[in-house]
Amino acid sequence: MALLNSAAVKTERAPRQKLTEKSVEVFLKLVPSVSEGTQATQRFFAVFLSVIGGVGLLILLSINILLAQDAFTLSELKAEAKVVSDQREAINRQIEAASSPEALAAKAQELGMRPSNTPVFLNLDQAEQSLANGDVKRG
């Protein structure tokens, strides 16, 4: 019996080994052979990587230059905005000085106007719009 069992084991192993060898051959056929066709040389690969690296550095340099140029433009615009703001404040101060009551009174006297001794106010609440300080009606 022992002889029959050992013979059966040997017959089982033989197909498994052939199957394993064939599967390894099939697996190796999936990966292309390095010796077939043209192979890229190490020098070509080094030149290719150097070109790619150089182009990348040039792109980074150009981006950096553009960002620096925008920074200078931004600082110039901020300085210009400050100058415009200062000019606006100066013009507003001049307008306030010219429209002050003292300045308006001085200009009115230069034109020959004189202040009223009896001021009259218009009362808009009444229907006939009579003057508030007298019975004078417009007519």
Protein backbone atom coordinates (compact mmCIF):
# COMPACT_ATOMS: atom_id res chain seq x y z
CA MET A 1 0.00 0.00 0.00
CA ALA A 2 2.78 2.33 0.80
CA LEU A 3 4.17 1.83 -2.63
CA LEU A 4 0.89 2.78 -4.23
CA ASN A 5 0.62 5.97 -2.17
CA SER A 6 4.13 7.10 -3.08
CA ALA A 7 3.46 6.48 -6.75
CA ALA A 8 0.27 8.49 -6.57
CA VAL A 9 2.12 11.41 -4.93
CA LYS A 10 4.77 11.35 -7.67
CA THR A 11 2.14 11.44 -10.39
CA GLU A 12 0.44 14.40 -8.69
CA ARG A 13 3.66 16.39 -8.39
CA ALA A 14 4.64 16.06 -12.00
CA PRO A 15 1.57 17.91 -13.36
CA ARG A 16 1.90 20.56 -10.65
CA GLN A 17 5.51 21.24 -11.57
CA LYS A 18 4.62 21.50 -15.24
CA LEU A 19 1.73 23.80 -14.37
CA THR A 20 4.00 25.97 -12.21
CA GLU A 21 6.64 26.16 -14.92
CA LYS A 22 4.06 27.09 -17.54
CA SER A 23 2.50 29.75 -15.30
CA VAL A 24 5.96 31.27 -14.71
CA GLU A 25 6.57 31.32 -18.48
CA VAL A 26 3.20 32.98 -19.07
CA PHE A 27 3.91 35.50 -16.33
CA LEU A 28 7.29 36.31 -17.83
CA LYS A 29 5.74 36.72 -21.25
CA LEU A 30 3.48 39.44 -19.81
CA VAL A 31 6.53 41.54 -18.94
CA PRO A 32 8.34 42.66 -22.11
CA SER A 33 11.85 41.50 -22.55
CA VAL A 34 14.51 44.12 -22.00
CA SER A 35 16.67 42.78 -24.80
CA GLU A 36 13.91 43.16 -27.40
CA GLY A 37 13.64 46.46 -29.33
CA THR A 38 15.60 49.58 -28.59
CA GLN A 39 16.63 50.34 -25.06
CA ALA A 40 17.00 53.85 -23.73
CA THR A 41 20.56 54.48 -22.73
CA GLN A 42 21.53 55.97 -19.42
CA ARG A 43 22.93 59.02 -21.18
CA PHE A 44 19.64 59.72 -22.97
CA PHE A 45 17.76 59.34 -19.69
CA ALA A 46 20.16 61.73 -17.91
CA VAL A 47 19.82 64.31 -20.71
CA PHE A 48 16.04 63.96 -20.66
CA LEU A 49 15.86 64.51 -16.90
CA SER A 50 18.25 67.46 -17.14
CA VAL A 51 16.10 69.11 -19.82
CA ILE A 52 12.92 68.55 -17.81
CA GLY A 53 14.61 69.94 -14.68
CA GLY A 54 15.95 72.97 -16.57
CA VAL A 55 12.54 73.75 -18.08
CA GLY A 56 10.95 73.42 -14.64
CA LEU A 57 13.49 75.82 -13.13
CA LEU A 58 12.90 78.34 -15.94
CA ILE A 59 9.14 78.17 -15.34
CA LEU A 60 9.65 78.71 -11.59
CA LEU A 61 11.98 81.63 -12.31
CA SER A 62 9.44 83.29 -14.61
CA ILE A 63 6.65 82.84 -12.04
CA ASN A 64 8.87 84.33 -9.35
CA ILE A 65 9.71 87.32 -11.58
CA LEU A 66 6.01 87.93 -12.31
CA LEU A 67 5.13 87.77 -8.61
CA ALA A 68 7.93 90.19 -7.72
CA GLN A 69 6.80 92.58 -10.46
CA ASP A 70 3.23 92.45 -9.13
CA ALA A 71 4.53 93.19 -5.63
CA PHE A 72 6.32 96.32 -6.89
CA THR A 73 3.21 97.41 -8.78
CA LEU A 74 1.11 96.89 -5.65
CA SER A 75 3.46 98.99 -3.51
CA GLU A 76 3.44 101.77 -6.12
CA LEU A 77 -0.36 101.74 -6.20
CA LYS A 78 -0.52 101.89 -2.39
CA ALA A 79 1.79 104.92 -2.38
CA GLU A 80 -0.31 106.59 -5.09
CA ALA A 81 -3.51 105.89 -3.13
CA LYS A 82 -1.96 107.51 -0.05
CA VAL A 83 -1.03 110.63 -2.07
CA VAL A 84 -4.56 110.84 -3.51
CA SER A 85 -6.04 110.44 -0.03
CA ASP A 86 -3.84 113.26 1.30
CA GLN A 87 -4.89 115.49 -1.59
CA ARG A 88 -8.56 114.71 -0.94
CA GLU A 89 -8.16 115.62 2.74
CA ALA A 90 -6.46 118.91 1.81
CA ILE A 91 -9.26 119.79 -0.62
CA ASN A 92 -11.89 118.94 2.02
CA ARG A 93 -10.13 121.23 4.53
CA GLN A 94 -10.14 124.05 1.95
CA ILE A 95 -13.85 123.53 1.27
CA GLU A 96 -14.64 123.53 5.00
CA ALA A 97 -12.62 126.72 5.49
CA ALA A 98 -14.36 128.46 2.57
CA SER A 99 -17.84 127.39 3.69
CA SER A 100 -17.44 128.37 7.34
CA PRO A 101 -19.87 131.06 8.56
CA GLU A 102 -17.06 133.56 9.14
CA ALA A 103 -15.72 133.17 5.61
CA LEU A 104 -19.23 133.42 4.11
CA ALA A 105 -19.94 136.61 6.10
CA ALA A 106 -16.64 138.15 4.92
CA LYS A 107 -17.42 137.32 1.27
CA ALA A 108 -20.93 138.75 1.63
CA GLN A 109 -19.57 142.04 3.00
CA GLU A 110 -17.06 142.21 0.13
CA LEU A 111 -19.99 141.96 -2.28
CA GLY A 112 -21.78 144.82 -0.50
CA MET A 113 -24.32 142.76 1.43
CA ARG A 114 -25.18 143.73 4.99
CA PRO A 115 -26.64 141.72 7.82
CA SER A 116 -30.41 141.94 8.49
CA ASN A 117 -31.50 143.65 11.70
CA THR A 118 -34.93 141.98 11.77
CA PRO A 119 -34.77 138.41 10.56
CA VAL A 120 -37.94 136.97 9.01
CA PHE A 121 -38.71 133.24 8.96
CA LEU A 122 -41.08 131.41 6.66
CA ASN A 123 -43.58 129.13 8.38
CA LEU A 124 -44.44 126.25 6.06
CA ASP A 125 -46.87 124.58 8.49
CA GLN A 126 -49.74 126.97 7.76
CA ALA A 127 -51.84 126.51 4.66
CA GLU A 128 -51.47 130.09 3.37
CA GLN A 129 -47.74 130.16 4.18
CA SER A 130 -47.83 133.39 6.12
CA LEU A 131 -44.70 134.88 7.59
CA ALA A 132 -43.99 133.74 11.14
CA ASN A 133 -43.22 137.17 12.58
CA GLY A 134 -46.01 139.23 11.04
CA ASP A 135 -49.39 139.22 9.33
CA VAL A 136 -47.99 139.96 5.92
CA LYS A 137 -49.42 137.67 3.27
CA ARG A 138 -47.97 137.12 -0.13
CA GLY A 139 -50.26 137.93 -2.83
